[in-house]
Amino acid sequence: GSMTGAPKKRTMELIEELESRSRGVYSGAVGLIGLDGTAHLNIVIRTAVLTGDTVTVSAGGAIVALSDPEEEVEELLLKARSVSASIGYNLHMRP
């Protein structure tokens, strides 16, 4: 379930071992439920999160055995650039 926000148990174990910090919001759904029962929900695919004076842009993809690593990076950057451009920032890959 990559887009359900509920990765498999072993996937979560590997992420914990390999990644140095929490991913934060990266997939699933986010929204508000009002006291009157109304709901405003959205699927999280590409997201910008503002924390203080820092904006974190998240984007991802589905990597499979036949994926080309360079093509996956380019796809990720393409997706992240669409979010960063919407807030007036020109995204560059870190060296």
N, C-alpha and C. Protein backbone atom coordinates (compact mmCIF):
# COMPACT_ATOMS: atom_id res chain seq x y z
N GLY A 1 0.77 -1.18 0.00
CA GLY A 1 0.00 0.00 0.00
C GLY A 1 0.82 1.26 0.00
N SER A 2 1.60 1.57 -1.04
CA SER A 2 2.42 2.78 -1.03
C SER A 2 1.58 4.05 -1.00
N MET A 3 0.48 4.11 -1.72
CA MET A 3 -0.33 5.33 -1.73
C MET A 3 -1.42 5.33 -0.66
N THR A 4 -1.59 4.26 0.05
CA THR A 4 -2.57 4.26 1.14
C THR A 4 -2.00 4.88 2.39
N GLY A 5 -0.69 5.09 2.41
CA GLY A 5 -0.05 5.61 3.62
C GLY A 5 0.23 4.53 4.63
N ALA A 6 0.03 3.28 4.23
CA ALA A 6 0.24 2.16 5.17
C ALA A 6 1.21 1.15 4.56
N PRO A 7 2.51 1.52 4.49
CA PRO A 7 3.48 0.57 3.94
C PRO A 7 3.51 -0.73 4.74
N LYS A 8 3.94 -1.77 4.09
CA LYS A 8 4.04 -3.07 4.75
C LYS A 8 5.02 -3.03 5.91
N LYS A 9 4.86 -3.92 6.86
CA LYS A 9 5.67 -3.94 8.08
C LYS A 9 7.17 -3.98 7.75
N ARG A 10 7.58 -4.86 6.86
CA ARG A 10 9.01 -4.97 6.54
C ARG A 10 9.52 -3.70 5.87
N THR A 11 8.70 -3.09 5.05
CA THR A 11 9.08 -1.82 4.42
C THR A 11 9.36 -0.77 5.48
N MET A 12 8.50 -0.68 6.49
CA MET A 12 8.69 0.29 7.56
C MET A 12 9.97 0.00 8.34
N GLU A 13 10.28 -1.27 8.54
CA GLU A 13 11.52 -1.64 9.23
C GLU A 13 12.74 -1.20 8.43
N LEU A 14 12.71 -1.42 7.11
CA LEU A 14 13.83 -1.02 6.25
C LEU A 14 13.99 0.50 6.23
N ILE A 15 12.88 1.21 6.13
CA ILE A 15 12.93 2.68 6.14
C ILE A 15 13.58 3.17 7.43
N GLU A 16 13.19 2.59 8.54
CA GLU A 16 13.76 2.98 9.85
C GLU A 16 15.27 2.74 9.89
N GLU A 17 15.72 1.62 9.30
CA GLU A 17 17.15 1.29 9.29
C GLU A 17 17.95 2.20 8.36
N LEU A 18 17.39 2.55 7.22
CA LEU A 18 18.15 3.23 6.16
C LEU A 18 18.06 4.75 6.17
N GLU A 19 16.97 5.30 6.67
CA GLU A 19 16.78 6.74 6.58
C GLU A 19 17.09 7.41 7.92
N SER A 20 17.76 8.56 7.84
CA SER A 20 18.26 9.22 9.04
C SER A 20 17.23 10.11 9.73
N ARG A 21 16.11 10.39 9.05
CA ARG A 21 15.08 11.22 9.68
C ARG A 21 13.70 10.81 9.20
N SER A 22 12.70 11.25 9.92
CA SER A 22 11.32 10.91 9.59
C SER A 22 10.93 11.51 8.25
N ARG A 23 10.12 10.79 7.50
CA ARG A 23 9.63 11.29 6.21
C ARG A 23 8.57 12.37 6.38
N GLY A 24 7.86 12.38 7.48
CA GLY A 24 6.76 13.32 7.61
C GLY A 24 5.62 12.90 6.70
N VAL A 25 4.89 13.88 6.18
CA VAL A 25 3.77 13.61 5.29
C VAL A 25 4.33 13.20 3.93
N TYR A 26 3.98 12.00 3.45
CA TYR A 26 4.48 11.60 2.13
C TYR A 26 3.46 10.82 1.31
N SER A 27 2.43 10.29 1.90
CA SER A 27 1.36 9.65 1.15
C SER A 27 0.19 9.40 2.08
N GLY A 28 -0.91 9.01 1.51
CA GLY A 28 -2.11 8.79 2.31
C GLY A 28 -3.10 9.92 2.07
N ALA A 29 -3.79 10.32 3.13
CA ALA A 29 -4.76 11.39 3.03
C ALA A 29 -4.56 12.37 4.18
N VAL A 30 -4.91 13.62 3.92
CA VAL A 30 -4.84 14.66 4.94
C VAL A 30 -6.09 15.52 4.79
N GLY A 31 -6.57 16.05 5.90
CA GLY A 31 -7.75 16.88 5.79
C GLY A 31 -8.28 17.32 7.13
N LEU A 32 -9.47 17.90 7.07
CA LEU A 32 -10.16 18.40 8.25
C LEU A 32 -11.55 17.82 8.31
N ILE A 33 -12.01 17.51 9.51
CA ILE A 33 -13.39 17.08 9.73
C ILE A 33 -14.01 18.11 10.65
N GLY A 34 -15.08 18.75 10.17
CA GLY A 34 -15.73 19.79 10.94
C GLY A 34 -16.64 19.24 12.03
N LEU A 35 -16.95 20.09 12.99
CA LEU A 35 -17.87 19.71 14.07
C LEU A 35 -19.26 19.39 13.54
N ASP A 36 -19.58 19.95 12.37
CA ASP A 36 -20.89 19.69 11.76
C ASP A 36 -20.90 18.42 10.90
N GLY A 37 -19.77 17.68 10.88
CA GLY A 37 -19.69 16.43 10.13
C GLY A 37 -19.17 16.57 8.72
N THR A 38 -18.93 17.79 8.25
CA THR A 38 -18.37 17.95 6.92
C THR A 38 -16.89 17.57 6.93
N ALA A 39 -16.42 17.11 5.79
CA ALA A 39 -15.02 16.72 5.67
C ALA A 39 -14.40 17.35 4.42
N HIS A 40 -13.18 17.78 4.57
CA HIS A 40 -12.40 18.30 3.45
C HIS A 40 -11.10 17.50 3.44
N LEU A 41 -11.00 16.55 2.49
CA LEU A 41 -9.87 15.63 2.45
C LEU A 41 -9.18 15.70 1.09
N ASN A 42 -7.92 15.31 1.08
CA ASN A 42 -7.17 15.28 -0.16
C ASN A 42 -6.14 14.15 -0.09
N ILE A 43 -5.81 13.60 -1.24
CA ILE A 43 -4.77 12.57 -1.33
C ILE A 43 -3.41 13.29 -1.32
N VAL A 44 -2.49 12.80 -0.52
CA VAL A 44 -1.15 13.38 -0.44
C VAL A 44 -0.25 12.65 -1.43
N ILE A 45 0.13 13.34 -2.49
CA ILE A 45 1.06 12.78 -3.47
C ILE A 45 2.28 13.70 -3.56
N ARG A 46 2.02 14.96 -3.82
CA ARG A 46 3.07 15.98 -3.86
C ARG A 46 2.65 17.06 -2.88
N THR A 47 3.53 17.38 -1.94
CA THR A 47 3.10 18.23 -0.82
C THR A 47 4.19 19.20 -0.42
N ALA A 48 3.77 20.40 -0.01
CA ALA A 48 4.67 21.38 0.62
C ALA A 48 4.17 21.60 2.04
N VAL A 49 5.07 21.47 3.01
CA VAL A 49 4.72 21.67 4.42
C VAL A 49 5.56 22.82 4.96
N LEU A 50 4.89 23.82 5.53
CA LEU A 50 5.55 24.98 6.12
C LEU A 50 5.69 24.76 7.61
N THR A 51 6.94 24.79 8.11
CA THR A 51 7.24 24.67 9.54
C THR A 51 8.14 25.84 9.90
N GLY A 52 7.60 26.81 10.61
CA GLY A 52 8.38 28.01 10.90
C GLY A 52 8.71 28.72 9.60
N ASP A 53 9.99 28.92 9.32
CA ASP A 53 10.39 29.57 8.06
C ASP A 53 10.97 28.57 7.06
N THR A 54 10.69 27.27 7.25
CA THR A 54 11.20 26.22 6.37
C THR A 54 10.05 25.55 5.63
N VAL A 55 10.21 25.40 4.33
CA VAL A 55 9.24 24.66 3.52
C VAL A 55 9.89 23.36 3.09
N THR A 56 9.21 22.24 3.35
CA THR A 56 9.68 20.93 2.93
C THR A 56 8.76 20.45 1.81
N VAL A 57 9.35 20.14 0.66
CA VAL A 57 8.59 19.64 -0.48
C VAL A 57 8.79 18.13 -0.56
N SER A 58 7.68 17.40 -0.63
CA SER A 58 7.73 15.94 -0.72
C SER A 58 7.13 15.47 -2.04
N ALA A 59 7.78 14.52 -2.66
CA ALA A 59 7.28 13.88 -3.87
C ALA A 59 7.92 12.51 -3.92
N GLY A 60 7.30 11.59 -4.60
CA GLY A 60 7.86 10.25 -4.66
C GLY A 60 7.40 9.50 -5.88
N GLY A 61 7.74 8.24 -5.92
CA GLY A 61 7.35 7.40 -7.03
C GLY A 61 7.40 5.94 -6.63
N ALA A 62 7.02 5.10 -7.54
CA ALA A 62 7.02 3.67 -7.28
C ALA A 62 8.22 3.04 -7.96
N ILE A 63 9.18 2.59 -7.17
CA ILE A 63 10.38 1.97 -7.71
C ILE A 63 10.17 0.46 -7.74
N VAL A 64 10.46 -0.14 -8.89
CA VAL A 64 10.33 -1.59 -9.06
C VAL A 64 11.67 -2.15 -9.53
N ALA A 65 11.77 -3.45 -9.63
CA ALA A 65 13.03 -4.10 -9.99
C ALA A 65 13.60 -3.59 -11.32
N LEU A 66 12.75 -3.24 -12.26
CA LEU A 66 13.22 -2.80 -13.58
C LEU A 66 13.43 -1.29 -13.67
N SER A 67 13.25 -0.56 -12.59
CA SER A 67 13.41 0.89 -12.61
C SER A 67 14.85 1.28 -12.92
N ASP A 68 14.99 2.38 -13.66
CA ASP A 68 16.30 2.96 -13.92
C ASP A 68 16.51 4.07 -12.89
N PRO A 69 17.54 3.96 -12.04
CA PRO A 69 17.74 4.94 -10.97
C PRO A 69 17.79 6.38 -11.45
N GLU A 70 18.49 6.66 -12.55
CA GLU A 70 18.58 8.03 -13.06
C GLU A 70 17.22 8.54 -13.51
N GLU A 71 16.43 7.70 -14.17
CA GLU A 71 15.10 8.09 -14.60
C GLU A 71 14.19 8.34 -13.40
N GLU A 72 14.34 7.54 -12.35
CA GLU A 72 13.53 7.73 -11.13
C GLU A 72 13.85 9.07 -10.47
N VAL A 73 15.13 9.44 -10.42
CA VAL A 73 15.51 10.73 -9.84
C VAL A 73 14.91 11.86 -10.66
N GLU A 74 14.99 11.76 -11.99
CA GLU A 74 14.42 12.80 -12.85
C GLU A 74 12.91 12.92 -12.66
N GLU A 75 12.22 11.78 -12.53
CA GLU A 75 10.77 11.80 -12.30
C GLU A 75 10.45 12.45 -10.96
N LEU A 76 11.21 12.11 -9.93
CA LEU A 76 11.02 12.71 -8.61
C LEU A 76 11.21 14.22 -8.66
N LEU A 77 12.26 14.67 -9.33
CA LEU A 77 12.52 16.11 -9.43
C LEU A 77 11.43 16.82 -10.23
N LEU A 78 10.95 16.20 -11.29
CA LEU A 78 9.86 16.77 -12.07
C LEU A 78 8.64 17.00 -11.18
N LYS A 79 8.29 16.00 -10.39
CA LYS A 79 7.14 16.10 -9.49
C LYS A 79 7.37 17.17 -8.42
N ALA A 80 8.56 17.19 -7.83
CA ALA A 80 8.85 18.17 -6.78
C ALA A 80 8.90 19.58 -7.33
N ARG A 81 9.39 19.74 -8.56
CA ARG A 81 9.44 21.08 -9.16
C ARG A 81 8.05 21.66 -9.35
N SER A 82 7.07 20.83 -9.65
CA SER A 82 5.71 21.36 -9.84
C SER A 82 5.18 21.96 -8.54
N VAL A 83 5.51 21.34 -7.42
CA VAL A 83 5.08 21.86 -6.12
C VAL A 83 5.88 23.12 -5.78
N SER A 84 7.20 23.05 -5.93
CA SER A 84 8.02 24.20 -5.56
C SER A 84 7.71 25.42 -6.43
N ALA A 85 7.42 25.20 -7.71
CA ALA A 85 7.06 26.31 -8.59
C ALA A 85 5.76 26.97 -8.15
N SER A 86 4.84 26.19 -7.60
CA SER A 86 3.56 26.76 -7.17
C SER A 86 3.71 27.73 -6.00
N ILE A 87 4.84 27.64 -5.29
CA ILE A 87 5.09 28.58 -4.19
C ILE A 87 6.22 29.55 -4.53
N GLY A 88 6.56 29.61 -5.83
CA GLY A 88 7.52 30.59 -6.31
C GLY A 88 8.98 30.26 -6.04
N TYR A 89 9.30 28.98 -5.95
CA TYR A 89 10.68 28.57 -5.68
C TYR A 89 11.19 27.72 -6.83
N ASN A 90 12.41 27.99 -7.28
CA ASN A 90 13.04 27.21 -8.34
C ASN A 90 13.87 26.11 -7.70
N LEU A 91 13.40 24.88 -7.77
CA LEU A 91 14.05 23.75 -7.11
C LEU A 91 15.29 23.31 -7.87
N HIS A 92 16.38 23.17 -7.12
CA HIS A 92 17.63 22.63 -7.66
C HIS A 92 18.01 21.43 -6.81
N MET A 93 18.62 20.43 -7.45
CA MET A 93 19.07 19.27 -6.70
C MET A 93 20.32 19.63 -5.91
N ARG A 94 20.36 19.18 -4.65
CA ARG A 94 21.54 19.42 -3.83
C ARG A 94 22.73 18.63 -4.35
N PRO A 95 23.95 19.23 -4.28
CA PRO A 95 25.15 18.51 -4.77
C PRO A 95 25.44 17.29 -3.92
